[in-house]
Amino acid sequence: MRLSTLFTKTSRETPKDELSFNAQILIQAGFIDKVAPGVYTFLPLGLRVIKNIEKIIREEMNNIGGQELLMPSLIPKQSWKTTDRWIILMPFLS
């Protein structure tokens, strides 16, 4: 992949609204983009890094006989209520 054909370009300016140094560098380098506070999109370079990390971990897990699973991002409300954690989430869901 040539840098000139990338979807995004690097930036010289540091993002003013970003407090985290790591996020500032990743945004400047074109690995991620900030969508909302605490929410980031992986751009092509960042996604490529994630895929390489996944590949390395998968190879090592296979070597030791490990198993891979995929868990859901959303879980039923009843699970949160049973453990008395639904009250904590309510301000974020309103």
C-alpha atoms as a PDB file:
ATOM      1  CA  MET A   1       0.000   0.000   0.000  1.00  0.00           C
ATOM      2  CA  ARG A   2       1.373   3.361  -0.982  1.00  0.00           C
ATOM      3  CA  LEU A   3       0.940   6.311   1.387  1.00  0.00           C
ATOM      4  CA  SER A   4      -0.178   8.505  -1.506  1.00  0.00           C
ATOM      5  CA  THR A   5      -3.214   6.268  -2.068  1.00  0.00           C
ATOM      6  CA  LEU A   6      -4.413   6.244   1.544  1.00  0.00           C
ATOM      7  CA  PHE A   7      -7.961   7.312   2.401  1.00  0.00           C
ATOM      8  CA  THR A   8      -6.687   9.837   4.960  1.00  0.00           C
ATOM      9  CA  LYS A   9      -3.621  11.996   5.233  1.00  0.00           C
ATOM     10  CA  THR A  10      -1.446  12.924   8.181  1.00  0.00           C
ATOM     11  CA  SER A  11      -1.837  16.270   9.921  1.00  0.00           C
ATOM     12  CA  ARG A  12       0.737  18.665  11.361  1.00  0.00           C
ATOM     13  CA  GLU A  13      -1.689  20.237  13.843  1.00  0.00           C
ATOM     14  CA  THR A  14      -2.400  18.639  17.197  1.00  0.00           C
ATOM     15  CA  PRO A  15      -6.143  18.184  17.818  1.00  0.00           C
ATOM     16  CA  LYS A  16      -7.102  20.904  20.329  1.00  0.00           C
ATOM     17  CA  ASP A  17     -10.038  19.049  21.889  1.00  0.00           C
ATOM     18  CA  GLU A  18      -8.069  15.833  22.567  1.00  0.00           C
ATOM     19  CA  LEU A  19      -6.491  15.494  26.023  1.00  0.00           C
ATOM     20  CA  SER A  20      -4.847  12.088  25.609  1.00  0.00           C
ATOM     21  CA  PHE A  21      -1.350  12.270  24.128  1.00  0.00           C
ATOM     22  CA  ASN A  22      -1.745   8.803  22.565  1.00  0.00           C
ATOM     23  CA  ALA A  23      -4.971   9.799  20.819  1.00  0.00           C
ATOM     24  CA  GLN A  24      -3.385  13.067  19.608  1.00  0.00           C
ATOM     25  CA  ILE A  25      -0.529  11.168  17.972  1.00  0.00           C
ATOM     26  CA  LEU A  26      -2.813   8.516  16.428  1.00  0.00           C
ATOM     27  CA  ILE A  27      -5.118  11.204  15.009  1.00  0.00           C
ATOM     28  CA  GLN A  28      -2.177  13.183  13.611  1.00  0.00           C
ATOM     29  CA  ALA A  29      -0.697  10.056  12.034  1.00  0.00           C
ATOM     30  CA  GLY A  30      -4.012   9.097  10.397  1.00  0.00           C
ATOM     31  CA  PHE A  31      -4.617   5.860  12.327  1.00  0.00           C
ATOM     32  CA  ILE A  32      -7.881   6.933  14.014  1.00  0.00           C
ATOM     33  CA  ASP A  33     -10.524   9.659  13.798  1.00  0.00           C
ATOM     34  CA  LYS A  34     -12.523  11.029  16.730  1.00  0.00           C
ATOM     35  CA  VAL A  35     -16.293  10.691  16.263  1.00  0.00           C
ATOM     36  CA  ALA A  36     -17.429  11.759  19.750  1.00  0.00           C
ATOM     37  CA  PRO A  37     -15.869  11.929  23.218  1.00  0.00           C
ATOM     38  CA  GLY A  38     -14.370   8.471  23.818  1.00  0.00           C
ATOM     39  CA  VAL A  39     -15.540   7.136  20.435  1.00  0.00           C
ATOM     40  CA  TYR A  40     -13.013   6.638  17.640  1.00  0.00           C
ATOM     41  CA  THR A  41     -13.097   5.244  14.120  1.00  0.00           C
ATOM     42  CA  PHE A  42     -10.206   3.113  12.930  1.00  0.00           C
ATOM     43  CA  LEU A  43      -8.985   4.462   9.608  1.00  0.00           C
ATOM     44  CA  PRO A  44      -7.280   2.169   7.049  1.00  0.00           C
ATOM     45  CA  LEU A  45      -3.841   2.353   8.717  1.00  0.00           C
ATOM     46  CA  GLY A  46      -5.286   1.726  12.177  1.00  0.00           C
ATOM     47  CA  LEU A  47      -7.408  -1.156  10.915  1.00  0.00           C
ATOM     48  CA  ARG A  48      -4.362  -2.690   9.303  1.00  0.00           C
ATOM     49  CA  VAL A  49      -2.496  -2.565  12.627  1.00  0.00           C
ATOM     50  CA  ILE A  50      -5.481  -4.155  14.423  1.00  0.00           C
ATOM     51  CA  LYS A  51      -5.616  -6.972  11.841  1.00  0.00           C
ATOM     52  CA  ASN A  52      -1.880  -7.655  12.236  1.00  0.00           C
ATOM     53  CA  ILE A  53      -2.205  -7.802  16.020  1.00  0.00           C
ATOM     54  CA  GLU A  54      -5.180 -10.175  15.675  1.00  0.00           C
ATOM     55  CA  LYS A  55      -3.148 -12.407  13.347  1.00  0.00           C
ATOM     56  CA  ILE A  56      -0.230 -12.628  15.796  1.00  0.00           C
ATOM     57  CA  ILE A  57      -2.491 -13.374  18.753  1.00  0.00           C
ATOM     58  CA  ARG A  58      -4.481 -15.961  16.749  1.00  0.00           C
ATOM     59  CA  GLU A  59      -1.254 -17.752  15.730  1.00  0.00           C
ATOM     60  CA  GLU A  60      -0.013 -17.840  19.333  1.00  0.00           C
ATOM     61  CA  MET A  61      -3.389 -19.012  20.638  1.00  0.00           C
ATOM     62  CA  ASN A  62      -3.454 -21.809  18.048  1.00  0.00           C
ATOM     63  CA  ASN A  63       0.080 -22.855  19.040  1.00  0.00           C
ATOM     64  CA  ILE A  64      -0.954 -23.373  22.671  1.00  0.00           C
ATOM     65  CA  GLY A  65      -4.344 -24.916  21.854  1.00  0.00           C
ATOM     66  CA  GLY A  66      -6.416 -21.890  22.830  1.00  0.00           C
ATOM     67  CA  GLN A  67      -9.904 -21.196  21.549  1.00  0.00           C
ATOM     68  CA  GLU A  68     -11.358 -17.987  20.153  1.00  0.00           C
ATOM     69  CA  LEU A  69     -14.834 -16.612  20.832  1.00  0.00           C
ATOM     70  CA  LEU A  70     -16.848 -13.564  19.869  1.00  0.00           C
ATOM     71  CA  MET A  71     -19.079 -11.980  22.502  1.00  0.00           C
ATOM     72  CA  PRO A  72     -21.985  -9.603  21.810  1.00  0.00           C
ATOM     73  CA  SER A  73     -21.667  -5.881  22.345  1.00  0.00           C
ATOM     74  CA  LEU A  74     -25.259  -5.609  23.539  1.00  0.00           C
ATOM     75  CA  ILE A  75     -26.697  -7.643  26.379  1.00  0.00           C
ATOM     76  CA  PRO A  76     -30.252  -7.912  27.729  1.00  0.00           C
ATOM     77  CA  LYS A  77     -31.457  -5.339  30.260  1.00  0.00           C
ATOM     78  CA  GLN A  78     -32.405  -8.117  32.688  1.00  0.00           C
ATOM     79  CA  SER A  79     -28.736  -9.096  33.171  1.00  0.00           C
ATOM     80  CA  TRP A  80     -27.955  -5.551  34.306  1.00  0.00           C
ATOM     81  CA  LYS A  81     -30.985  -5.431  36.625  1.00  0.00           C
ATOM     82  CA  THR A  82     -30.138  -8.776  38.241  1.00  0.00           C
ATOM     83  CA  THR A  83     -26.721  -7.468  39.284  1.00  0.00           C
ATOM     84  CA  ASP A  84     -28.048  -4.020  40.324  1.00  0.00           C
ATOM     85  CA  ARG A  85     -26.000  -2.260  37.640  1.00  0.00           C
ATOM     86  CA  TRP A  86     -28.927  -0.894  35.599  1.00  0.00           C
ATOM     87  CA  ILE A  87     -29.201   2.135  37.933  1.00  0.00           C
ATOM     88  CA  ILE A  88     -25.598   3.068  37.096  1.00  0.00           C
ATOM     89  CA  LEU A  89     -26.344   2.993  33.348  1.00  0.00           C
ATOM     90  CA  MET A  90     -29.549   5.030  33.480  1.00  0.00           C
ATOM     91  CA  PRO A  91     -27.879   8.500  33.260  1.00  0.00           C
ATOM     92  CA  PHE A  92     -26.066   7.390  30.081  1.00  0.00           C
ATOM     93  CA  LEU A  93     -29.188   5.960  28.438  1.00  0.00           C
ATOM     94  CA  SER A  94     -31.334   9.054  28.941  1.00  0.00           C
END
